[in-house]
Protein backbone atom coordinates (compact mmCIF):
# COMPACT_ATOMS: atom_id res chain seq x y z
CA MET A 1 0.00 0.00 0.00
CA ALA A 2 0.97 3.64 -0.32
CA LYS A 3 3.20 5.25 2.27
CA GLU A 4 1.71 7.55 4.87
CA ASN A 5 0.60 10.94 3.43
CA GLU A 6 0.82 9.48 -0.08
CA LYS A 7 -2.32 9.10 -2.15
CA LEU A 8 -3.38 5.53 -2.79
CA LYS A 9 -3.14 4.73 -6.49
CA VAL A 10 -6.00 3.11 -8.37
CA GLY A 11 -4.96 1.50 -11.65
CA VAL A 12 -7.24 0.92 -14.64
CA PRO A 13 -5.69 -1.49 -17.16
CA LYS A 14 -6.96 -1.86 -20.69
CA GLU A 15 -9.33 -4.83 -20.98
CA THR A 16 -7.79 -7.77 -22.84
CA PHE A 17 -10.71 -10.19 -23.16
CA PRO A 18 -11.62 -10.55 -26.88
CA GLY A 19 -14.48 -8.19 -27.76
CA GLU A 20 -14.54 -6.51 -24.35
CA MET A 21 -15.17 -2.79 -24.87
CA ARG A 22 -16.01 -1.67 -21.33
CA THR A 23 -13.68 0.10 -18.94
CA ALA A 24 -13.62 0.13 -15.13
CA ILE A 25 -13.45 3.90 -14.61
CA ILE A 26 -14.86 6.65 -16.81
CA PRO A 27 -13.45 10.21 -16.70
CA GLU A 28 -16.50 11.56 -14.84
CA SER A 29 -15.73 9.31 -11.85
CA ILE A 30 -12.16 10.49 -11.37
CA ASN A 31 -13.10 13.58 -9.37
CA GLN A 32 -14.85 11.39 -6.80
CA TYR A 33 -11.80 9.15 -6.49
CA SER A 34 -9.64 12.24 -5.94
CA LYS A 35 -11.99 13.53 -3.23
CA ASN A 36 -11.64 10.20 -1.46
CA GLY A 37 -7.85 10.33 -1.43
CA PHE A 38 -6.96 8.35 -4.57
CA ARG A 39 -4.74 9.06 -7.55
CA VAL A 40 -6.10 7.42 -10.71
CA LEU A 41 -3.69 5.76 -13.15
CA VAL A 42 -5.06 4.71 -16.54
CA GLU A 43 -3.33 2.50 -19.08
CA SER A 44 -3.20 4.30 -22.41
CA GLY A 45 -6.23 3.34 -24.51
CA ALA A 46 -8.14 1.76 -21.63
CA GLY A 47 -11.29 3.79 -22.33
CA GLU A 48 -10.98 4.09 -26.08
CA ALA A 49 -13.39 1.28 -27.03
CA ALA A 50 -16.05 2.79 -24.75
CA GLY A 51 -15.63 6.23 -26.33
CA TYR A 52 -13.29 7.80 -23.77
CA SER A 53 -9.97 9.19 -25.01
CA ASP A 54 -6.75 9.44 -23.03
CA GLN A 55 -7.13 13.23 -23.20
CA GLN A 56 -10.52 13.06 -21.47
CA TYR A 57 -8.87 11.21 -18.58
CA LYS A 58 -6.02 13.69 -18.49
CA ASP A 59 -8.49 16.57 -18.38
CA LYS A 60 -9.88 15.05 -15.16
CA ASP A 61 -6.37 14.77 -13.67
CA ALA A 62 -5.79 11.07 -14.25
CA LYS A 63 -2.27 9.97 -15.09
CA ILE A 64 -1.91 8.05 -18.35
CA ILE A 65 0.55 5.13 -18.16
CA ASP A 66 1.89 3.76 -21.46
CA SER A 67 3.22 0.50 -20.03
CA ARG A 68 0.88 -2.15 -18.58
CA ASP A 69 3.76 -3.48 -16.47
CA GLU A 70 4.36 -0.01 -15.02
CA LEU A 71 0.66 0.45 -14.24
CA PHE A 72 0.56 -2.77 -12.22
CA LYS A 73 3.84 -1.85 -10.52
CA GLN A 74 2.56 1.54 -9.34
CA ALA A 75 -1.09 0.81 -8.48
CA ASP A 76 -2.24 -0.17 -4.98
CA ILE A 77 -5.66 -1.20 -6.34
CA ILE A 78 -6.29 -2.70 -9.78
CA LEU A 79 -9.81 -2.32 -11.19
CA HIS A 80 -10.78 -4.74 -13.95
CA VAL A 81 -13.98 -5.45 -15.79
CA ARG A 82 -12.89 -9.01 -16.57
CA ALA A 83 -10.13 -10.18 -14.26
CA TYR A 84 -8.55 -13.64 -14.30
CA GLY A 85 -11.41 -16.11 -14.10
CA THR A 86 -13.67 -14.31 -16.56
CA ASN A 87 -10.63 -13.69 -18.78
CA PRO A 88 -8.93 -17.09 -18.62
CA GLU A 89 -6.40 -16.72 -21.43
CA LYS A 90 -5.21 -13.11 -21.53
CA GLY A 91 -5.93 -12.66 -17.84
CA ARG A 92 -3.34 -15.30 -17.01
CA GLU A 93 -0.66 -12.93 -18.32
CA ASP A 94 -1.52 -10.50 -15.52
CA LEU A 95 -0.81 -13.03 -12.75
CA GLU A 96 2.91 -12.28 -12.89
CA ARG A 97 2.18 -8.54 -12.79
CA TYR A 98 0.27 -8.62 -9.49
CA ARG A 99 2.22 -8.10 -6.30
CA GLN A 100 1.91 -9.01 -2.65
CA GLY A 101 -0.68 -6.90 -0.82
CA GLN A 102 -2.22 -5.40 -3.95
CA ILE A 103 -6.03 -5.25 -4.15
CA VAL A 104 -7.74 -6.60 -7.27
CA ILE A 105 -11.43 -5.95 -7.97
CA GLY A 106 -13.56 -7.12 -10.89
CA PHE A 107 -15.60 -9.97 -12.30
CA LEU A 108 -13.67 -13.14 -11.37
CA ASP A 109 -16.23 -15.97 -11.80
CA PRO A 110 -15.00 -17.76 -8.66
CA LEU A 111 -17.98 -20.12 -8.50
CA GLY A 112 -17.55 -21.17 -12.11
CA SER A 113 -13.73 -21.27 -12.05
CA PRO A 114 -12.65 -21.86 -8.44
CA GLU A 115 -9.28 -23.26 -9.53
CA LYS A 116 -8.42 -19.88 -11.04
CA ALA A 117 -9.17 -18.22 -7.71
CA GLN A 118 -6.60 -20.56 -6.20
CA GLU A 119 -4.03 -19.45 -8.80
CA LEU A 120 -4.85 -15.81 -8.06
CA ALA A 121 -4.32 -16.42 -4.34
CA LYS A 122 -0.72 -17.50 -4.98
CA THR A 123 0.12 -13.99 -6.21
CA GLY A 124 -0.49 -12.61 -2.71
CA VAL A 125 -3.18 -10.13 -3.73
CA THR A 126 -6.47 -9.50 -1.96
CA GLY A 127 -9.08 -10.25 -4.61
CA PHE A 128 -12.72 -9.15 -4.62
CA SER A 129 -15.26 -10.73 -6.94
CA ILE A 130 -17.90 -8.15 -7.71
CA GLU A 131 -20.48 -10.78 -8.69
CA LEU A 132 -20.58 -12.21 -5.15
CA LEU A 133 -21.90 -9.05 -3.52
CA PRO A 134 -24.75 -9.86 -1.15
CA ARG A 135 -28.21 -8.72 -2.25
CA ILE A 136 -28.70 -6.26 0.60
CA THR A 137 -29.91 -2.68 0.55
CA ARG A 138 -26.51 -1.21 1.42
CA ALA A 139 -24.86 -2.95 -1.54
CA GLN A 140 -27.35 -1.84 -4.20
CA SER A 141 -25.15 1.00 -5.43
CA MET A 142 -22.29 -1.51 -5.89
CA ASP A 143 -24.35 -4.20 -7.65
CA ALA A 144 -22.62 -4.50 -11.00
CA LEU A 145 -24.42 -7.75 -11.83
CA SER A 146 -27.73 -5.90 -11.80
CA SER A 147 -26.30 -3.01 -13.81
CA MET A 148 -25.01 -5.31 -16.52
CA ALA A 149 -28.21 -7.39 -16.47
CA THR A 150 -30.19 -4.22 -17.17
CA ILE A 151 -28.18 -3.71 -20.34
CA GLY A 152 -28.45 -7.38 -21.30
CA GLY A 153 -32.24 -7.39 -20.97
CA TYR A 154 -32.55 -4.25 -23.08
CA LYS A 155 -30.22 -5.47 -25.83
CA ALA A 156 -31.89 -8.91 -25.97
CA VAL A 157 -35.14 -7.32 -27.15
CA LEU A 158 -33.30 -5.33 -29.82
CA LEU A 159 -31.65 -8.52 -31.08
CA ALA A 160 -35.05 -10.21 -31.23
CA ALA A 161 -36.62 -7.26 -33.04
CA LYS A 162 -33.83 -7.30 -35.61
CA SER A 163 -34.30 -11.01 -36.37
CA LEU A 164 -38.10 -11.18 -36.17
CA GLY A 165 -39.86 -10.86 -39.51
CA LYS A 166 -42.57 -8.78 -37.88
CA MET A 167 -42.88 -5.40 -36.20
CA PHE A 168 -43.56 -5.33 -32.47
CA PRO A 169 -46.45 -2.80 -32.25
CA MET A 170 -50.03 -3.12 -33.44
CA LEU A 171 -50.57 -0.69 -36.34
CA MET A 172 -53.75 0.53 -37.99
CA THR A 173 -52.82 1.22 -41.60
CA ALA A 174 -54.56 1.80 -44.93
CA ALA A 175 -53.38 -1.68 -45.84
CA GLY A 176 -55.13 -3.17 -42.84
CA THR A 177 -54.33 -3.87 -39.21
CA ILE A 178 -50.90 -5.19 -38.24
CA ALA A 179 -51.16 -7.53 -35.25
CA PRO A 180 -48.65 -6.96 -32.42
CA ALA A 181 -45.81 -9.37 -31.69
CA HIS A 182 -46.27 -11.70 -28.73
CA VAL A 183 -43.26 -11.79 -26.43
CA PHE A 184 -42.64 -14.28 -23.62
CA VAL A 185 -39.89 -13.49 -21.09
CA ILE A 186 -38.77 -16.37 -18.88
CA GLY A 187 -37.16 -15.15 -15.67
CA ALA A 188 -38.16 -11.88 -14.02
CA GLY A 189 -34.89 -10.86 -12.46
CA VAL A 190 -33.23 -7.61 -13.45
CA ALA A 191 -32.55 -8.72 -17.04
CA GLY A 192 -36.03 -10.18 -17.47
CA LEU A 193 -37.80 -7.12 -16.10
CA GLN A 194 -35.77 -4.86 -18.38
CA ALA A 195 -36.60 -7.10 -21.34
CA ILE A 196 -40.30 -6.88 -20.44
CA ALA A 197 -40.14 -3.09 -20.16
CA THR A 198 -38.30 -2.74 -23.48
CA ALA A 199 -40.63 -5.12 -25.35
CA ARG A 200 -43.63 -3.19 -24.01
CA ARG A 201 -42.13 0.12 -25.14
CA LEU A 202 -41.78 -1.34 -28.62
CA GLY A 203 -45.48 -2.22 -28.54
CA GLY A 204 -45.36 -5.96 -28.00
CA VAL A 205 -47.93 -8.00 -26.09
CA VAL A 206 -45.77 -9.35 -23.29
CA LYS A 207 -46.01 -12.25 -20.86
CA GLY A 208 -43.52 -12.94 -18.09
CA TYR A 209 -42.78 -15.97 -15.96
CA ASP A 210 -40.59 -16.62 -12.95
CA ILE A 211 -40.43 -19.49 -10.46
CA ARG A 212 -40.69 -16.87 -7.71
CA PRO A 213 -44.38 -15.94 -7.40
CA ALA A 214 -43.41 -12.82 -5.45
CA VAL A 215 -42.33 -11.06 -8.67
CA LYS A 216 -45.83 -11.20 -10.17
CA GLU A 217 -46.55 -7.64 -9.05
CA GLN A 218 -43.35 -6.36 -10.67
CA VAL A 219 -44.15 -8.07 -13.97
CA GLU A 220 -47.70 -6.69 -14.01
CA SER A 221 -46.51 -3.19 -13.06
CA LEU A 222 -44.65 -3.11 -16.39
CA GLY A 223 -47.80 -3.91 -18.34
CA ALA A 224 -47.13 -7.60 -18.90
CA LYS A 225 -49.25 -10.60 -17.99
CA PHE A 226 -47.75 -12.93 -15.40
CA VAL A 227 -47.87 -16.60 -16.38
CA GLU A 228 -48.69 -18.75 -13.38
CA LEU A 229 -47.74 -22.43 -13.35
CA ASP A 230 -48.90 -24.87 -10.70
CA LEU A 231 -45.47 -25.68 -9.27
CA ALA A 232 -44.02 -25.71 -5.75
CA THR A 233 -41.53 -22.82 -5.68
CA GLU A 234 -40.87 -22.16 -1.99
CA GLU A 235 -37.17 -23.09 -2.29
CA ALA A 236 -36.51 -21.20 -5.53
CA GLU A 237 -34.44 -18.38 -4.01
CA THR A 238 -31.40 -18.35 -1.74
CA SER A 239 -31.17 -16.17 1.36
CA GLY A 240 -28.72 -14.00 -0.59
CA GLY A 241 -31.33 -13.17 -3.22
CA TYR A 242 -29.97 -15.40 -6.00
CA ALA A 243 -31.77 -18.16 -7.89
CA ARG A 244 -31.43 -21.66 -6.45
CA GLU A 245 -30.88 -24.73 -8.62
CA MET A 246 -34.01 -26.93 -8.67
CA ASP A 247 -34.19 -30.67 -9.36
CA GLU A 248 -34.76 -32.13 -12.82
CA GLU A 249 -38.33 -33.20 -12.02
CA PHE A 250 -39.22 -29.58 -11.29
CA TYR A 251 -37.77 -28.44 -14.63
CA ARG A 252 -39.54 -31.28 -16.46
CA LYS A 253 -42.93 -30.20 -15.12
CA GLN A 254 -42.09 -26.57 -15.87
CA ARG A 255 -41.26 -27.36 -19.49
CA GLU A 256 -44.49 -29.30 -19.94
CA MET A 257 -46.59 -26.43 -18.62
CA MET A 258 -44.82 -23.81 -20.75
CA LYS A 259 -45.38 -25.56 -24.08
CA SER A 260 -48.66 -23.83 -24.85
CA VAL A 261 -47.25 -20.37 -24.06
CA LEU A 262 -44.30 -20.95 -26.38
CA LYS A 263 -46.56 -22.03 -29.23
CA GLU A 264 -48.31 -18.65 -29.27
CA SER A 265 -45.11 -16.56 -28.84
CA ASP A 266 -43.27 -14.77 -31.63
CA VAL A 267 -40.32 -13.96 -29.36
CA VAL A 268 -39.04 -15.85 -26.32
CA ILE A 269 -36.31 -14.36 -24.13
CA THR A 270 -34.79 -16.61 -21.48
CA THR A 271 -32.75 -15.31 -18.55
CA ALA A 272 -32.60 -18.17 -16.03
CA ALA A 273 -29.15 -18.68 -14.52
CA VAL A 274 -27.81 -20.08 -11.26
CA PRO A 275 -24.44 -18.68 -10.05
CA GLY A 276 -21.65 -21.18 -10.60
CA LYS A 277 -23.96 -23.77 -12.17
CA LYS A 278 -24.90 -24.82 -15.68
CA ALA A 279 -28.06 -23.01 -16.75
CA PRO A 280 -31.24 -25.09 -16.48
CA VAL A 281 -32.70 -26.32 -19.77
CA LEU A 282 -36.17 -24.79 -19.99
CA ILE A 283 -36.81 -25.20 -23.72
CA THR A 284 -36.23 -28.57 -25.41
CA ASP A 285 -35.83 -29.42 -29.10
CA GLU A 286 -39.44 -30.60 -29.13
CA MET A 287 -40.69 -27.31 -27.66
CA VAL A 288 -38.77 -25.33 -30.28
CA GLU A 289 -40.29 -27.45 -33.02
CA GLY A 290 -43.75 -26.63 -31.64
CA MET A 291 -43.18 -22.91 -32.19
CA ALA A 292 -44.32 -21.11 -35.34
CA SER A 293 -41.87 -20.70 -38.20
CA GLY A 294 -40.25 -17.26 -38.01
CA SER A 295 -40.23 -17.17 -34.20
CA VAL A 296 -37.12 -16.02 -32.35
CA ILE A 297 -35.50 -17.20 -29.12
CA VAL A 298 -32.85 -15.03 -27.44
CA ASP A 299 -31.06 -17.06 -24.77
CA LEU A 300 -29.33 -14.78 -22.23
CA ALA A 301 -28.00 -17.84 -20.40
CA ALA A 302 -25.95 -18.90 -23.44
CA GLU A 303 -22.61 -18.42 -21.66
CA GLN A 304 -23.75 -20.81 -18.89
CA GLY A 305 -24.82 -23.52 -21.34
CA GLY A 306 -28.16 -22.04 -22.36
CA ASN A 307 -31.80 -22.34 -21.30
CA CYS A 308 -32.61 -23.79 -24.72
CA SER A 309 -31.20 -27.20 -25.60
CA LEU A 310 -30.27 -25.95 -29.08
CA THR A 311 -28.45 -22.77 -28.02
CA ARG A 312 -24.87 -22.32 -29.15
CA ALA A 313 -22.99 -19.62 -27.27
CA GLY A 314 -21.96 -16.75 -29.53
CA GLU A 315 -23.96 -18.07 -32.49
CA GLU A 316 -27.29 -17.54 -34.24
CA ILE A 317 -28.81 -20.70 -35.68
CA ASN A 318 -32.06 -21.67 -37.38
CA HIS A 319 -33.84 -24.84 -36.34
CA LYS A 320 -36.84 -25.76 -38.47
CA GLY A 321 -37.76 -22.13 -39.04
CA VAL A 322 -37.06 -20.88 -35.49
CA THR A 323 -34.09 -18.53 -34.97
CA ILE A 324 -32.12 -19.18 -31.78
CA ILE A 325 -29.65 -16.50 -30.69
CA GLY A 326 -27.03 -17.24 -28.03
CA PRO A 327 -25.42 -13.86 -27.32
CA ILE A 328 -22.35 -13.55 -25.13
CA ASN A 329 -21.10 -10.50 -23.22
CA LEU A 330 -24.03 -8.31 -24.27
CA PRO A 331 -23.12 -5.41 -21.94
CA ALA A 332 -19.90 -4.94 -23.93
CA THR A 333 -22.00 -4.15 -27.01
CA ILE A 334 -23.28 -0.98 -25.32
CA PRO A 335 -19.92 -0.02 -23.82
CA ARG A 336 -20.46 3.63 -23.02
CA HIS A 337 -23.44 3.23 -20.71
CA ALA A 338 -22.17 -0.12 -19.43
CA SER A 339 -18.90 1.53 -18.43
CA GLN A 340 -20.74 4.43 -16.85
CA MET A 341 -22.82 2.12 -14.67
CA TYR A 342 -19.92 -0.19 -13.83
CA SER A 343 -17.67 2.74 -12.95
CA ARG A 344 -20.23 4.01 -10.45
CA ASN A 345 -20.63 0.52 -8.97
CA LEU A 346 -16.88 0.18 -8.42
CA LEU A 347 -16.58 3.66 -6.97
CA ALA A 348 -19.21 2.79 -4.36
CA PHE A 349 -17.41 -0.50 -3.63
CA VAL A 350 -13.99 1.14 -3.23
CA LYS A 351 -15.41 3.87 -0.98
CA ASN A 352 -16.83 1.11 1.23
CA LEU A 353 -13.28 -0.19 1.72
CA MET A 354 -12.17 3.18 3.11
CA LYS A 355 -12.16 4.14 6.76
CA ASP A 356 -10.53 7.32 8.08
CA GLY A 357 -8.66 7.79 4.82
CA ASN A 358 -7.19 4.27 4.73
CA ILE A 359 -8.15 0.88 3.32
CA ASP A 360 -9.81 -1.20 6.04
CA LEU A 361 -10.56 -4.82 5.10
CA GLU A 362 -12.98 -5.32 7.98
CA ARG A 363 -14.29 -8.89 7.72
CA ASP A 364 -17.27 -8.05 9.93
CA ASP A 365 -18.58 -6.00 7.00
CA GLU A 366 -20.89 -8.34 5.07
CA VAL A 367 -20.08 -6.70 1.74
CA ILE A 368 -16.34 -7.21 2.23
CA ARG A 369 -16.66 -10.68 3.71
CA GLU A 370 -18.91 -12.11 1.00
CA SER A 371 -17.04 -10.62 -1.97
CA MET A 372 -13.46 -11.23 -0.78
CA ILE A 373 -12.19 -14.31 -2.60
CA VAL A 374 -8.49 -14.43 -1.83
CA ASN A 375 -6.30 -12.86 0.85
CA GLY A 376 -2.94 -13.61 2.45
CA GLY A 377 -1.99 -16.20 -0.15
CA GLU A 378 -5.09 -18.37 0.14
CA VAL A 379 -8.72 -18.67 -0.89
CA VAL A 380 -10.80 -17.24 1.97
CA ASN A 381 -14.34 -17.28 0.60
CA GLN A 382 -16.26 -20.19 2.14
CA ARG A 383 -18.32 -20.98 -0.97
CA VAL A 384 -15.22 -21.12 -3.16
CA ARG A 385 -13.30 -23.20 -0.62
CA GLU A 386 -16.12 -25.74 -0.61
CA LEU A 387 -15.93 -26.01 -4.40
CA LEU A 388 -12.19 -26.65 -4.06
CA GLY A 389 -12.80 -29.33 -1.43
CA GLN A 390 -11.14 -27.26 1.30
CA LYS A 391 -12.21 -26.83 4.90
CA SER A 392 -13.88 -23.60 5.94
CA LYS A 393 -11.55 -20.96 7.36
CA SER A 394 -12.93 -21.42 10.88
CA GLU A 395 -12.24 -25.18 10.71
CA ASP A 396 -8.69 -24.54 9.51
CA GLU A 397 -8.09 -22.08 12.32
CA ARG A 398 -9.41 -24.55 14.90
CA SER A 399 -7.21 -27.34 13.60
CA GLU A 400 -4.16 -25.06 13.66
CA GLY A 401 -5.00 -24.03 17.22
C-alpha cells in the first residue's frame, strides 16, 4: 500500500478479453476518487473502445501510463472489468504482474472457475469478486451484476426485433391492421424485467414468468401478464437473493406447462441462470419445433450452457424455421453506458473499503466478507473453498489451534 501521506493509487488497465469494450473507470468518476484520497492511473487506450480518449482522462487529472507493467507496478488497487477467471487466457498474463498486498477488484467468476481463484491467491493479492456481492440494501449501489443485467435485458429485445420478420407494435394502416408481436420473457430478475419493459415500449404483447411468485406484481406493473404455473416454488431463491438450482423433475414439469405459451409466442427471451452452475434447460428441441416458423429465441444464459437445448454460445442458428440466438457478453456491445454504470458501482465499492482515509478490510462488514475471494496467499471465501474441497476458514483455524 501507499506510504503515509501518499495518495493511494488506483490502476485501470486496458481490458484484454476478446471483444470486451467496457472500462472500469470513466473520466467523470475520477473527481470522486480524488476527493476520497486516490490518484487514478489509466493504461493508455483503456477507455478508447467505450468512447473515452486518453485526453478526457487527463483533463480530469488522471495519469496516463503507457506500459501495462508499469501500471501494475505503481497501483495499490487494480480495477478490472474481466479479471482472471472471466478472462482465462489473456488474464493469465496478468498473474505475474500482481504483487503481494495489492487489491484486485472485478468480475472473477470464482464459483464457475474456483481453480483460477486458487491461482490468483498464490500472487499474494487481496481479490474481490464483484459478482458475489450480497443482495442487501446497502450494496445496491455496488451491484454491477444488476447493472449489466439491465443492459443485457434491453439489448436482448433489440436482437429479437432485428431477427423477427414482424414489427412489435399493433398498427392501424390503410393496408389493414398489423397484429402486435407476442413476447414471452422467462425469468423476471433484473434482465427479465428490463426485457419486459423494453418489449412493451416497442409495442409488443408481453407475458412474463418466474419461479418466484413474489415477482408477479413487478411483472404486471410493467404492463405484462404474469404466467402462473402450478409448481411448488418455496425453495426457488437463496437467502442472498440469487436463484437456487431446482431438481430435474421440477424443470420437467415446468417445461411441460410452458409448451402452450411458447406455441403462441413470436419472441421468447430466457434469462434463467444459477451462479456457478450450468443453466437449467427450460426449452427442449421438441418445444422449439412446436413454435411457429419465423419465431425467435434469445437465450441470455448462453454463456452458462443455455436455457434452450439448441443454443450455441456466440452463435445464431435456425432450427426448423425458429431462430435461436445465443449472445455472449451483451453489456460490452453498449460499452459507453455499461462503463458508466460499472464505474459508479466500483466507486461505491472502493469507498466502502475506506475508513478514516485508509483501506480497512474489515471482515465483519458483510459486503467485504462475502465478496473477498483471496487474501494472504489463500482462498478465503467459504463458498469457493467448498468447491475446491477445502475446509472452511474457521475449521482450519481450529485445527491449527
